[in-house]
Protein backbone atom coordinates (compact mmCIF):
# COMPACT_ATOMS: atom_id res chain seq x y z
CA MET A 1 -54.81 -15.90 -59.42
CA SER A 2 -51.63 -17.16 -61.03
CA LEU A 3 -48.30 -15.46 -61.31
CA SER A 4 -45.73 -15.75 -64.17
CA VAL A 5 -42.12 -14.77 -64.00
CA ALA A 6 -40.19 -13.82 -67.16
CA ILE A 7 -36.39 -13.84 -67.18
CA VAL A 8 -34.28 -12.48 -70.05
CA ALA A 9 -30.91 -14.16 -70.30
CA MET A 10 -27.97 -14.76 -72.61
CA ASP A 11 -25.05 -17.09 -71.80
CA GLU A 12 -25.99 -17.35 -68.13
CA GLU A 13 -25.10 -21.03 -67.65
CA ALA A 14 -23.24 -20.29 -64.46
CA ASN A 15 -26.15 -18.39 -62.81
CA ILE A 16 -29.45 -19.47 -64.38
CA GLY A 17 -29.92 -22.56 -62.18
CA ARG A 18 -29.86 -20.49 -58.94
CA THR A 19 -31.99 -17.83 -60.48
CA LEU A 20 -34.69 -20.26 -61.56
CA ALA A 21 -34.60 -22.01 -58.24
CA SER A 22 -35.28 -18.73 -56.50
CA VAL A 23 -38.55 -18.23 -58.41
CA ARG A 24 -39.83 -21.82 -58.34
CA TRP A 25 -42.86 -20.57 -56.37
CA ALA A 26 -44.20 -19.00 -59.55
CA ASP A 27 -47.01 -20.70 -61.45
CA GLU A 28 -45.13 -20.23 -64.71
CA ILE A 29 -41.50 -19.42 -65.44
CA VAL A 30 -40.60 -18.13 -68.89
CA LEU A 31 -36.95 -17.78 -69.96
CA VAL A 32 -36.51 -15.39 -72.91
CA ASP A 33 -33.14 -16.48 -74.36
CA SER A 34 -31.25 -13.89 -76.39
CA GLY A 35 -29.09 -16.23 -78.36
CA SER A 36 -27.10 -18.21 -75.78
CA LYS A 37 -24.20 -20.32 -76.96
CA ASP A 38 -23.88 -22.23 -73.71
CA ARG A 39 -26.30 -24.53 -71.73
CA THR A 40 -28.63 -21.71 -70.53
CA ARG A 41 -31.65 -23.07 -72.48
CA GLU A 42 -31.01 -26.70 -71.45
CA ILE A 43 -30.74 -25.77 -67.79
CA ALA A 44 -33.95 -23.73 -67.97
CA HIS A 45 -35.77 -26.75 -69.43
CA GLU A 46 -34.37 -28.91 -66.60
CA HIS A 47 -35.98 -26.50 -64.13
CA GLY A 48 -39.32 -26.66 -65.87
CA ALA A 49 -39.17 -23.22 -67.49
CA ARG A 50 -40.78 -22.52 -70.84
CA VAL A 51 -38.01 -21.24 -73.12
CA VAL A 52 -38.63 -18.65 -75.80
CA GLU A 53 -35.82 -17.77 -78.17
CA GLU A 54 -35.62 -14.10 -79.09
CA PRO A 55 -32.40 -13.16 -80.94
């Protein structure tokens, strides 16, 4: 059995690294980005998350 975690975020550059680190045990991490203008998506990629943009 595998487990996926989905996180919805927008402009969470200051927090997303800690959030993603707290769920690194998951088999898959999906960040649903709601139009961030900061580095949220880039940081998510650095943590191995799959990023989906949903405006």
